[in-house]
Every structure is written in C-alpha cells, then in structure tokens.
C-alpha cells in the first residue's frame, strides 16, 4: 500500500478518535500535540524543575521590588526598551538572530 494512502488513513483514524473524546480529554490531547509540534513547548515540558535555593540577597531584592510596586506604577517593558534605544521589534529579533562572531577575541573584556 502507498505511504500517502497510509498517512491519509492514519489521519482519518486519529480524527475519528478525537471526535469521540470528551471535552476535558480533548484539551489534554491538544496540549500533548502542541508539545510534540512546538520545540520550545517540548523543551519546557522536559526541563528540570528549578529547585535552586533562593539566597537571602535574592529574597531581600524581591521584597524591595514588591514594596516599590506598592508605591509606584510598574514600568512598561516598552518604556525600559525605549530608555535603552530599542523597540519591541528589536527585542524580538535578539532572540531569533545569533550574535555576530567575535573578531579575534577583541570584544571580550
């Protein structure tokens, strides 16, 4: 039998199973499928739990930040980027574009 026909048949069977699932199970299956198709979701799902201890300095910094927010408005991400001369588009590109290669180590300090 042709592989293309097998694939069509497999998809039809999968759709038939999906059509028979109750809503709560359908949602779970959709999440599994997303994880299988999206490499970032898959990486997050397989990432180890962050169980690193929080230092006293980190706890103090978080407490200070929470106290600051009680008396001040949060600063929008866009405003922070603008202070740095960047836009949201610039920020998005940094995650997708590899940094330029270093030239003979001159960029290291």
PDB file of N, CA and C in Angstrom:
ATOM      1  N   UNK A   1       0.840  -1.197   0.000  1.00  0.00           N
ATOM      2  CA  UNK A   1       0.000   0.000   0.000  1.00  0.00           C
ATOM      3  C   UNK A   1       0.877   1.251   0.000  1.00  0.00           C
ATOM      4  N   UNK A   2       0.452   2.268  -0.694  1.00  0.00           N
ATOM      5  CA  UNK A   2       1.172   3.528  -0.833  1.00  0.00           C
ATOM      6  C   UNK A   2       1.276   4.233   0.530  1.00  0.00           C
ATOM      7  N   UNK A   3       2.455   4.859   0.824  1.00  0.00           N
ATOM      8  CA  UNK A   3       2.642   5.569   2.097  1.00  0.00           C
ATOM      9  C   UNK A   3       1.684   6.740   2.239  1.00  0.00           C
ATOM     10  N   UNK A   4       1.393   7.442   1.139  1.00  0.00           N
ATOM     11  CA  UNK A   4       0.476   8.578   1.182  1.00  0.00           C
ATOM     12  C   UNK A   4      -0.911   8.120   1.591  1.00  0.00           C
ATOM     13  N   UNK A   5      -1.356   6.981   1.103  1.00  0.00           N
ATOM     14  CA  UNK A   5      -2.660   6.433   1.471  1.00  0.00           C
ATOM     15  C   UNK A   5      -2.651   6.049   2.940  1.00  0.00           C
ATOM     16  N   UNK A   6      -1.543   5.432   3.399  1.00  0.00           N
ATOM     17  CA  UNK A   6      -1.429   5.077   4.813  1.00  0.00           C
ATOM     18  C   UNK A   6      -1.533   6.310   5.697  1.00  0.00           C
ATOM     19  N   UNK A   7      -0.880   7.391   5.290  1.00  0.00           N
ATOM     20  CA  UNK A   7      -0.910   8.625   6.069  1.00  0.00           C
ATOM     21  C   UNK A   7      -2.318   9.189   6.129  1.00  0.00           C
ATOM     22  N   UNK A   8      -3.019   9.200   5.027  1.00  0.00           N
ATOM     23  CA  UNK A   8      -4.397   9.694   4.998  1.00  0.00           C
ATOM     24  C   UNK A   8      -5.264   8.845   5.920  1.00  0.00           C
ATOM     25  N   UNK A   9      -5.080   7.540   5.842  1.00  0.00           N
ATOM     26  CA  UNK A   9      -5.858   6.632   6.684  1.00  0.00           C
ATOM     27  C   UNK A   9      -5.549   6.858   8.166  1.00  0.00           C
ATOM     28  N   UNK A  10      -4.271   7.047   8.490  1.00  0.00           N
ATOM     29  CA  UNK A  10      -3.874   7.314   9.871  1.00  0.00           C
ATOM     30  C   UNK A  10      -4.510   8.608  10.388  1.00  0.00           C
ATOM     31  N   UNK A  11      -4.492   9.638   9.555  1.00  0.00           N
ATOM     32  CA  UNK A  11      -5.099  10.913   9.949  1.00  0.00           C
ATOM     33  C   UNK A  11      -6.606  10.753  10.169  1.00  0.00           C
ATOM     34  N   UNK A  12      -7.247  10.009   9.307  1.00  0.00           N
ATOM     35  CA  UNK A  12      -8.692   9.789   9.460  1.00  0.00           C
ATOM     36  C   UNK A  12      -8.991   9.051  10.756  1.00  0.00           C
ATOM     37  N   UNK A  13      -8.195   8.044  11.079  1.00  0.00           N
ATOM     38  CA  UNK A  13      -8.392   7.322  12.336  1.00  0.00           C
ATOM     39  C   UNK A  13      -8.178   8.248  13.527  1.00  0.00           C
ATOM     40  N   UNK A  14      -7.117   9.059  13.467  1.00  0.00           N
ATOM     41  CA  UNK A  14      -6.841   9.986  14.567  1.00  0.00           C
ATOM     42  C   UNK A  14      -7.993  10.972  14.743  1.00  0.00           C
ATOM     43  N   UNK A  15      -8.513  11.501  13.644  1.00  0.00           N
ATOM     44  CA  UNK A  15      -9.653  12.430  13.711  1.00  0.00           C
ATOM     45  C   UNK A  15     -10.875  11.738  14.314  1.00  0.00           C
ATOM     46  N   UNK A  16     -11.101  10.493  13.943  1.00  0.00           N
ATOM     47  CA  UNK A  16     -12.249   9.755  14.480  1.00  0.00           C
ATOM     48  C   UNK A  16     -12.123   9.609  15.994  1.00  0.00           C
ATOM     49  N   UNK A  17     -10.908   9.328  16.475  1.00  0.00           N
ATOM     50  CA  UNK A  17     -10.700   9.230  17.928  1.00  0.00           C
ATOM     51  C   UNK A  17     -10.915  10.578  18.602  1.00  0.00           C
ATOM     52  N   UNK A  18     -10.399  11.641  17.993  1.00  0.00           N
ATOM     53  CA  UNK A  18     -10.569  12.976  18.562  1.00  0.00           C
ATOM     54  C   UNK A  18     -12.046  13.352  18.667  1.00  0.00           C
ATOM     55  N   UNK A  19     -12.809  13.003  17.651  1.00  0.00           N
ATOM     56  CA  UNK A  19     -14.235  13.328  17.648  1.00  0.00           C
ATOM     57  C   UNK A  19     -14.992  12.628  18.768  1.00  0.00           C
ATOM     58  N   UNK A  20     -14.468  11.533  19.273  1.00  0.00           N
ATOM     59  CA  UNK A  20     -15.165  10.768  20.306  1.00  0.00           C
ATOM     60  C   UNK A  20     -14.737  11.149  21.720  1.00  0.00           C
ATOM     61  N   UNK A  21     -13.714  11.984  21.867  1.00  0.00           N
ATOM     62  CA  UNK A  21     -13.211  12.343  23.193  1.00  0.00           C
ATOM     63  C   UNK A  21     -14.111  13.351  23.902  1.00  0.00           C
ATOM     64  N   UNK A  22     -14.277  13.200  25.221  1.00  0.00           N
ATOM     65  CA  UNK A  22     -14.961  14.232  25.999  1.00  0.00           C
ATOM     66  C   UNK A  22     -14.099  15.508  26.021  1.00  0.00           C
ATOM     67  N   UNK A  23     -14.722  16.650  26.290  1.00  0.00           N
ATOM     68  CA  UNK A  23     -14.049  17.956  26.207  1.00  0.00           C
ATOM     69  C   UNK A  23     -12.770  18.017  27.033  1.00  0.00           C
ATOM     70  N   UNK A  24     -12.797  17.531  28.278  1.00  0.00           N
ATOM     71  CA  UNK A  24     -11.610  17.646  29.140  1.00  0.00           C
ATOM     72  C   UNK A  24     -10.451  16.808  28.607  1.00  0.00           C
ATOM     73  N   UNK A  25     -10.733  15.670  28.009  1.00  0.00           N
ATOM     74  CA  UNK A  25      -9.670  14.859  27.428  1.00  0.00           C
ATOM     75  C   UNK A  25      -9.173  15.469  26.118  1.00  0.00           C
ATOM     76  N   UNK A  26     -10.054  16.098  25.377  1.00  0.00           N
ATOM     77  CA  UNK A  26      -9.664  16.750  24.134  1.00  0.00           C
ATOM     78  C   UNK A  26      -8.650  17.856  24.417  1.00  0.00           C
ATOM     79  N   UNK A  27      -8.897  18.600  25.485  1.00  0.00           N
ATOM     80  CA  UNK A  27      -7.978  19.667  25.861  1.00  0.00           C
ATOM     81  C   UNK A  27      -6.601  19.100  26.211  1.00  0.00           C
ATOM     82  N   UNK A  28      -6.573  17.985  26.916  1.00  0.00           N
ATOM     83  CA  UNK A  28      -5.301  17.360  27.287  1.00  0.00           C
ATOM     84  C   UNK A  28      -4.568  16.854  26.046  1.00  0.00           C
ATOM     85  N   UNK A  29      -5.296  16.252  25.121  1.00  0.00           N
ATOM     86  CA  UNK A  29      -4.679  15.748  23.892  1.00  0.00           C
ATOM     87  C   UNK A  29      -4.135  16.911  23.060  1.00  0.00           C
ATOM     88  N   UNK A  30      -4.871  18.015  23.006  1.00  0.00           N
ATOM     89  CA  UNK A  30      -4.405  19.187  22.270  1.00  0.00           C
ATOM     90  C   UNK A  30      -3.087  19.681  22.861  1.00  0.00           C
ATOM     91  N   UNK A  31      -2.988  19.710  24.189  1.00  0.00           N
ATOM     92  CA  UNK A  31      -1.749  20.148  24.838  1.00  0.00           C
ATOM     93  C   UNK A  31      -0.585  19.230  24.491  1.00  0.00           C
ATOM     94  N   UNK A  32      -0.850  17.933  24.480  1.00  0.00           N
ATOM     95  CA  UNK A  32       0.197  16.975  24.117  1.00  0.00           C
ATOM     96  C   UNK A  32       0.639  17.194  22.675  1.00  0.00           C
ATOM     97  N   UNK A  33      -0.325  17.400  21.787  1.00  0.00           N
ATOM     98  CA  UNK A  33       0.014  17.630  20.378  1.00  0.00           C
ATOM     99  C   UNK A  33       0.827  18.913  20.208  1.00  0.00           C
ATOM    100  N   UNK A  34       0.449  19.964  20.927  1.00  0.00           N
ATOM    101  CA  UNK A  34       1.206  21.221  20.846  1.00  0.00           C
ATOM    102  C   UNK A  34       2.644  20.987  21.269  1.00  0.00           C
ATOM    103  N   UNK A  35       2.826  20.244  22.359  1.00  0.00           N
ATOM    104  CA  UNK A  35       4.162  19.963  22.858  1.00  0.00           C
ATOM    105  C   UNK A  35       4.971  19.162  21.849  1.00  0.00           C
ATOM    106  N   UNK A  36       4.304  18.233  21.175  1.00  0.00           N
ATOM    107  CA  UNK A  36       5.001  17.420  20.180  1.00  0.00           C
ATOM    108  C   UNK A  36       5.418  18.242  18.966  1.00  0.00           C
ATOM    109  N   UNK A  37       4.626  19.253  18.610  1.00  0.00           N
ATOM    110  CA  UNK A  37       4.886  20.023  17.390  1.00  0.00           C
ATOM    111  C   UNK A  37       5.754  21.251  17.617  1.00  0.00           C
ATOM    112  N   UNK A  38       5.712  21.817  18.821  1.00  0.00           N
ATOM    113  CA  UNK A  38       6.429  23.052  19.107  1.00  0.00           C
ATOM    114  C   UNK A  38       7.694  22.736  19.904  1.00  0.00           C
ATOM    115  N   UNK A  39       8.878  22.937  19.341  1.00  0.00           N
ATOM    116  CA  UNK A  39      10.105  22.568  20.047  1.00  0.00           C
ATOM    117  C   UNK A  39      10.308  23.328  21.354  1.00  0.00           C
ATOM    118  N   UNK A  40       9.847  24.571  21.435  1.00  0.00           N
ATOM    119  CA  UNK A  40      10.003  25.336  22.673  1.00  0.00           C
ATOM    120  C   UNK A  40       9.127  24.734  23.767  1.00  0.00           C
ATOM    121  N   UNK A  41       7.872  24.421  23.432  1.00  0.00           N
ATOM    122  CA  UNK A  41       6.990  23.792  24.415  1.00  0.00           C
ATOM    123  C   UNK A  41       7.557  22.456  24.867  1.00  0.00           C
ATOM    124  N   UNK A  42       8.094  21.702  23.920  1.00  0.00           N
ATOM    125  CA  UNK A  42       8.668  20.395  24.258  1.00  0.00           C
ATOM    126  C   UNK A  42       9.852  20.574  25.206  1.00  0.00           C
ATOM    127  N   UNK A  43      10.699  21.556  24.928  1.00  0.00           N
ATOM    128  CA  UNK A  43      11.859  21.799  25.788  1.00  0.00           C
ATOM    129  C   UNK A  43      11.419  22.215  27.190  1.00  0.00           C
ATOM    130  N   UNK A  44      10.415  23.074  27.275  1.00  0.00           N
ATOM    131  CA  UNK A  44       9.917  23.497  28.583  1.00  0.00           C
ATOM    132  C   UNK A  44       9.301  22.337  29.354  1.00  0.00           C
ATOM    133  N   UNK A  45       8.543  21.500  28.648  1.00  0.00           N
ATOM    134  CA  UNK A  45       7.906  20.359  29.301  1.00  0.00           C
ATOM    135  C   UNK A  45       8.945  19.377  29.826  1.00  0.00           C
ATOM    136  N   UNK A  46      10.090  19.275  29.157  1.00  0.00           N
ATOM    137  CA  UNK A  46      11.126  18.327  29.562  1.00  0.00           C
ATOM    138  C   UNK A  46      12.198  18.947  30.448  1.00  0.00           C
ATOM    139  N   UNK A  47      12.096  20.237  30.711  1.00  0.00           N
ATOM    140  CA  UNK A  47      13.110  20.919  31.513  1.00  0.00           C
ATOM    141  C   UNK A  47      13.006  20.476  32.977  1.00  0.00           C
ATOM    142  N   UNK A  48      14.137  20.374  33.655  1.00  0.00           N
ATOM    143  CA  UNK A  48      14.097  20.002  35.070  1.00  0.00           C
ATOM    144  C   UNK A  48      13.466  21.115  35.900  1.00  0.00           C
ATOM    145  N   UNK A  49      12.893  20.729  37.018  1.00  0.00           N
ATOM    146  CA  UNK A  49      12.285  21.694  37.929  1.00  0.00           C
ATOM    147  C   UNK A  49      13.395  22.544  38.534  1.00  0.00           C
ATOM    148  N   UNK A  50      13.173  23.851  38.592  1.00  0.00           N
ATOM    149  CA  UNK A  50      14.164  24.748  39.184  1.00  0.00           C
ATOM    150  C   UNK A  50      14.015  24.660  40.697  1.00  0.00           C
ATOM    151  N   UNK A  51      14.892  23.901  41.322  1.00  0.00           N
ATOM    152  CA  UNK A  51      14.796  23.725  42.768  1.00  0.00           C
ATOM    153  C   UNK A  51      15.977  24.369  43.492  1.00  0.00           C
ATOM    154  N   UNK A  52      16.584  25.339  42.814  1.00  0.00           N
ATOM    155  CA  UNK A  52      17.723  26.037  43.402  1.00  0.00           C
ATOM    156  C   UNK A  52      17.245  26.903  44.561  1.00  0.00           C
ATOM    157  N   UNK A  53      18.007  26.892  45.625  1.00  0.00           N
ATOM    158  CA  UNK A  53      17.664  27.686  46.798  1.00  0.00           C
ATOM    159  C   UNK A  53      17.727  29.176  46.473  1.00  0.00           C
ATOM    160  N   UNK A  54      16.863  29.946  47.103  1.00  0.00           N
ATOM    161  CA  UNK A  54      16.864  31.399  46.929  1.00  0.00           C
ATOM    162  C   UNK A  54      17.691  31.992  48.061  1.00  0.00           C
ATOM    163  N   UNK A  55      18.687  32.788  47.685  1.00  0.00           N
ATOM    164  CA  UNK A  55      19.580  33.377  48.692  1.00  0.00           C
ATOM    165  C   UNK A  55      18.868  34.486  49.451  1.00  0.00           C
ATOM    166  N   UNK A  56      19.462  34.874  50.579  1.00  0.00           N
ATOM    167  CA  UNK A  56      18.901  35.974  51.369  1.00  0.00           C
ATOM    168  C   UNK A  56      18.908  37.270  50.565  1.00  0.00           C
ATOM    169  N   UNK A  57      19.959  37.484  49.776  1.00  0.00           N
ATOM    170  CA  UNK A  57      20.041  38.684  48.934  1.00  0.00           C
ATOM    171  C   UNK A  57      18.905  38.708  47.920  1.00  0.00           C
ATOM    172  N   UNK A  58      18.629  37.544  47.300  1.00  0.00           N
ATOM    173  CA  UNK A  58      17.533  37.459  46.325  1.00  0.00           C
ATOM    174  C   UNK A  58      16.185  37.699  46.996  1.00  0.00           C
ATOM    175  N   UNK A  59      15.981  37.124  48.176  1.00  0.00           N
ATOM    176  CA  UNK A  59      14.728  37.333  48.908  1.00  0.00           C
ATOM    177  C   UNK A  59      14.555  38.809  49.265  1.00  0.00           C
ATOM    178  N   UNK A  60      15.648  39.433  49.686  1.00  0.00           N
ATOM    179  CA  UNK A  60      15.608  40.857  50.039  1.00  0.00           C
ATOM    180  C   UNK A  60      15.281  41.701  48.806  1.00  0.00           C
ATOM    181  N   UNK A  61      15.876  41.380  47.659  1.00  0.00           N
ATOM    182  CA  UNK A  61      15.631  42.122  46.413  1.00  0.00           C
ATOM    183  C   UNK A  61      14.170  41.990  45.987  1.00  0.00           C
ATOM    184  N   UNK A  62      13.607  40.804  46.117  1.00  0.00           N
ATOM    185  CA  UNK A  62      12.199  40.595  45.762  1.00  0.00           C
ATOM    186  C   UNK A  62      11.303  41.394  46.701  1.00  0.00           C
ATOM    187  N   UNK A  63      11.602  41.386  47.992  1.00  0.00           N
ATOM    188  CA  UNK A  63      10.805  42.143  48.967  1.00  0.00           C
ATOM    189  C   UNK A  63      10.866  43.642  48.665  1.00  0.00           C
ATOM    190  N   UNK A  64      12.059  44.132  48.305  1.00  0.00           N
ATOM    191  CA  UNK A  64      12.207  45.552  47.956  1.00  0.00           C
ATOM    192  C   UNK A  64      11.406  45.896  46.709  1.00  0.00           C
ATOM    193  N   UNK A  65      11.433  45.013  45.720  1.00  0.00           N
ATOM    194  CA  UNK A  65      10.688  45.254  44.483  1.00  0.00           C
ATOM    195  C   UNK A  65       9.186  45.280  44.756  1.00  0.00           C
ATOM    196  N   UNK A  66       8.715  44.345  45.567  1.00  0.00           N
ATOM    197  CA  UNK A  66       7.276  44.325  45.901  1.00  0.00           C
ATOM    198  C   UNK A  66       6.875  45.583  46.671  1.00  0.00           C
ATOM    199  N   UNK A  67       7.735  46.014  47.585  1.00  0.00           N
ATOM    200  CA  UNK A  67       7.443  47.236  48.338  1.00  0.00           C
ATOM    201  C   UNK A  67       7.427  48.440  47.403  1.00  0.00           C
ATOM    202  N   UNK A  68       8.376  48.500  46.464  1.00  0.00           N
ATOM    203  CA  UNK A  68       8.426  49.601  45.499  1.00  0.00           C
ATOM    204  C   UNK A  68       7.128  49.648  44.701  1.00  0.00           C
ATOM    205  N   UNK A  69       6.621  48.471  44.292  1.00  0.00           N
ATOM    206  CA  UNK A  69       5.395  48.424  43.492  1.00  0.00           C
ATOM    207  C   UNK A  69       4.152  48.857  44.278  1.00  0.00           C
ATOM    208  N   UNK A  70       4.223  48.800  45.595  1.00  0.00           N
ATOM    209  CA  UNK A  70       3.088  49.273  46.412  1.00  0.00           C
ATOM    210  C   UNK A  70       2.935  50.786  46.289  1.00  0.00           C
ATOM    211  N   UNK A  71       4.026  51.484  45.971  1.00  0.00           N
ATOM    212  CA  UNK A  71       4.023  52.939  45.967  1.00  0.00           C
ATOM    213  C   UNK A  71       4.260  53.545  44.590  1.00  0.00           C
ATOM    214  N   UNK A  72       4.511  52.721  43.588  1.00  0.00           N
ATOM    215  CA  UNK A  72       4.839  53.206  42.253  1.00  0.00           C
ATOM    216  C   UNK A  72       4.116  52.383  41.200  1.00  0.00           C
ATOM    217  N   UNK A  73       3.941  52.995  40.032  1.00  0.00           N
ATOM    218  CA  UNK A  73       3.365  52.266  38.911  1.00  0.00           C
ATOM    219  C   UNK A  73       4.439  51.395  38.294  1.00  0.00           C
ATOM    220  N   UNK A  74       4.060  50.191  37.825  1.00  0.00           N
ATOM    221  CA  UNK A  74       5.042  49.365  37.116  1.00  0.00           C
ATOM    222  C   UNK A  74       5.531  50.091  35.854  1.00  0.00           C
ATOM    223  N   UNK A  75       6.756  49.817  35.462  1.00  0.00           N
ATOM    224  CA  UNK A  75       7.316  50.431  34.265  1.00  0.00           C
ATOM    225  C   UNK A  75       7.090  49.462  33.100  1.00  0.00           C
ATOM    226  N   UNK A  76       6.370  49.899  32.067  1.00  0.00           N
ATOM    227  CA  UNK A  76       6.115  49.005  30.928  1.00  0.00           C
ATOM    228  C   UNK A  76       7.415  48.589  30.242  1.00  0.00           C
ATOM    229  N   UNK A  77       7.430  47.376  29.753  1.00  0.00           N
ATOM    230  CA  UNK A  77       8.586  46.825  29.049  1.00  0.00           C
ATOM    231  C   UNK A  77       9.018  47.755  27.915  1.00  0.00           C
ATOM    232  N   UNK A  78       8.044  48.283  27.195  1.00  0.00           N
ATOM    233  CA  UNK A  78       8.340  49.172  26.073  1.00  0.00           C
ATOM    234  C   UNK A  78       9.124  50.402  26.533  1.00  0.00           C
ATOM    235  N   UNK A  79       8.797  50.928  27.733  1.00  0.00           N
ATOM    236  CA  UNK A  79       9.486  52.113  28.254  1.00  0.00           C
ATOM    237  C   UNK A  79      10.935  51.786  28.611  1.00  0.00           C
ATOM    238  N   UNK A  80      11.158  50.620  29.198  1.00  0.00           N
ATOM    239  CA  UNK A  80      12.526  50.207  29.533  1.00  0.00           C
ATOM    240  C   UNK A  80      13.349  50.061  28.259  1.00  0.00           C
ATOM    241  N   UNK A  81      12.752  49.403  27.263  1.00  0.00           N
ATOM    242  CA  UNK A  81      13.459  49.243  25.988  1.00  0.00           C
ATOM    243  C   UNK A  81      13.756  50.595  25.350  1.00  0.00           C
ATOM    244  N   UNK A  82      12.788  51.513  25.392  1.00  0.00           N
ATOM    245  CA  UNK A  82      12.990  52.842  24.799  1.00  0.00           C
ATOM    246  C   UNK A  82      14.151  53.564  25.483  1.00  0.00           C
ATOM    247  N   UNK A  83      14.270  53.418  26.818  1.00  0.00           N
ATOM    248  CA  UNK A  83      15.397  54.024  27.535  1.00  0.00           C
ATOM    249  C   UNK A  83      16.733  53.474  27.041  1.00  0.00           C
ATOM    250  N   UNK A  84      16.710  52.255  26.531  1.00  0.00           N
ATOM    251  CA  UNK A  84      17.922  51.629  26.009  1.00  0.00           C
ATOM    252  C   UNK A  84      18.082  51.848  24.502  1.00  0.00           C
ATOM    253  N   UNK A  85      17.153  52.616  23.912  1.00  0.00           N
ATOM    254  CA  UNK A  85      17.201  52.893  22.486  1.00  0.00           C
ATOM    255  C   UNK A  85      16.721  51.728  21.633  1.00  0.00           C
ATOM    256  N   UNK A  86      15.872  50.858  22.203  1.00  0.00           N
ATOM    257  CA  UNK A  86      15.369  49.691  21.484  1.00  0.00           C
ATOM    258  C   UNK A  86      13.855  49.732  21.353  1.00  0.00           C
ATOM    259  N   UNK A  87      13.342  48.968  20.400  1.00  0.00           N
ATOM    260  CA  UNK A  87      11.900  48.796  20.245  1.00  0.00           C
ATOM    261  C   UNK A  87      11.569  47.338  20.580  1.00  0.00           C
ATOM    262  N   UNK A  88      10.277  47.029  20.690  1.00  0.00           N
ATOM    263  CA  UNK A  88       9.865  45.640  20.909  1.00  0.00           C
ATOM    264  C   UNK A  88      10.329  44.756  19.753  1.00  0.00           C
ATOM    265  N   UNK A  89      10.298  45.304  18.540  1.00  0.00           N
ATOM    266  CA  UNK A  89      10.751  44.541  17.376  1.00  0.00           C
ATOM    267  C   UNK A  89      12.244  44.216  17.503  1.00  0.00           C
ATOM    268  N   UNK A  90      13.040  45.195  17.947  1.00  0.00           N
ATOM    269  CA  UNK A  90      14.470  44.953  18.177  1.00  0.00           C
ATOM    270  C   UNK A  90      14.660  43.840  19.202  1.00  0.00           C
ATOM    271  N   UNK A  91      13.888  43.905  20.272  1.00  0.00           N
ATOM    272  CA  UNK A  91      13.988  42.914  21.347  1.00  0.00           C
ATOM    273  C   UNK A  91      13.622  41.521  20.837  1.00  0.00           C
ATOM    274  N   UNK A  92      12.550  41.432  20.056  1.00  0.00           N
ATOM    275  CA  UNK A  92      12.138  40.141  19.496  1.00  0.00           C
ATOM    276  C   UNK A  92      13.225  39.562  18.592  1.00  0.00           C
ATOM    277  N   UNK A  93      13.867  40.436  17.815  1.00  0.00           N
ATOM    278  CA  UNK A  93      14.916  39.971  16.892  1.00  0.00           C
ATOM    279  C   UNK A  93      16.114  39.405  17.636  1.00  0.00           C
ATOM    280  N   UNK A  94      16.391  39.912  18.838  1.00  0.00           N
ATOM    281  CA  UNK A  94      17.570  39.431  19.566  1.00  0.00           C
ATOM    282  C   UNK A  94      17.439  37.959  19.924  1.00  0.00           C
ATOM    283  N   UNK A  95      16.227  37.488  20.112  1.00  0.00           N
ATOM    284  CA  UNK A  95      16.035  36.082  20.432  1.00  0.00           C
ATOM    285  C   UNK A  95      16.106  35.180  19.221  1.00  0.00           C
ATOM    286  N   UNK A  96      15.973  35.744  18.035  1.00  0.00           N
ATOM    287  CA  UNK A  96      15.969  34.937  16.809  1.00  0.00           C
ATOM    288  C   UNK A  96      17.253  35.060  16.010  1.00  0.00           C
ATOM    289  N   UNK A  97      18.035  36.083  16.271  1.00  0.00           N
ATOM    290  CA  UNK A  97      19.226  36.352  15.471  1.00  0.00           C
ATOM    291  C   UNK A  97      20.472  36.019  16.283  1.00  0.00           C
ATOM    292  N   UNK A  98      21.327  35.153  15.758  1.00  0.00           N
ATOM    293  CA  UNK A  98      22.557  34.851  16.501  1.00  0.00           C
ATOM    294  C   UNK A  98      23.460  36.078  16.551  1.00  0.00           C
ATOM    295  N   UNK A  99      24.198  36.231  17.636  1.00  0.00           N
ATOM    296  CA  UNK A  99      25.107  37.381  17.728  1.00  0.00           C
ATOM    297  C   UNK A  99      26.217  37.253  16.697  1.00  0.00           C
ATOM    298  N   UNK A 100      26.790  38.384  16.294  1.00  0.00           N
ATOM    299  CA  UNK A 100      27.888  38.314  15.321  1.00  0.00           C
ATOM    300  C   UNK A 100      29.087  37.616  15.955  1.00  0.00           C
ATOM    301  N   UNK A 101      29.880  36.911  15.153  1.00  0.00           N
ATOM    302  CA  UNK A 101      31.056  36.231  15.712  1.00  0.00           C
ATOM    303  C   UNK A 101      32.065  37.250  16.222  1.00  0.00           C
ATOM    304  N   UNK A 102      32.736  36.890  17.289  1.00  0.00           N
ATOM    305  CA  UNK A 102      33.768  37.779  17.835  1.00  0.00           C
ATOM    306  C   UNK A 102      34.949  37.823  16.877  1.00  0.00           C
ATOM    307  N   UNK A 103      35.547  38.976  16.822  1.00  0.00           N
ATOM    308  CA  UNK A 103      36.700  39.146  15.920  1.00  0.00           C
ATOM    309  C   UNK A 103      37.981  38.994  16.738  1.00  0.00           C
ATOM    310  N   UNK A 104      38.587  37.817  16.640  1.00  0.00           N
ATOM    311  CA  UNK A 104      39.852  37.521  17.316  1.00  0.00           C
ATOM    312  C   UNK A 104      39.802  37.798  18.819  1.00  0.00           C
ATOM    313  N   UNK A 105      38.628  37.651  19.419  1.00  0.00           N
ATOM    314  CA  UNK A 105      38.518  37.836  20.864  1.00  0.00           C
ATOM    315  C   UNK A 105      38.593  39.270  21.322  1.00  0.00           C
ATOM    316  N   UNK A 106      38.590  40.251  20.386  1.00  0.00           N
ATOM    317  CA  UNK A 106      38.721  41.661  20.753  1.00  0.00           C
ATOM    318  C   UNK A 106      37.513  42.179  21.519  1.00  0.00           C
ATOM    319  N   UNK A 107      36.354  41.532  21.346  1.00  0.00           N
ATOM    320  CA  UNK A 107      35.148  42.020  22.008  1.00  0.00           C
ATOM    321  C   UNK A 107      35.070  41.580  23.461  1.00  0.00           C
ATOM    322  N   UNK A 108      35.929  40.660  23.872  1.00  0.00           N
ATOM    323  CA  UNK A 108      35.889  40.178  25.251  1.00  0.00           C
ATOM    324  C   UNK A 108      36.622  41.135  26.148  1.00  0.00           C
ATOM    325  N   UNK A 109      36.093  41.321  27.289  1.00  0.00           N
ATOM    326  CA  UNK A 109      36.728  42.215  28.268  1.00  0.00           C
ATOM    327  C   UNK A 109      37.006  41.478  29.555  1.00  0.00           C
TER     328      UNK A 109
END
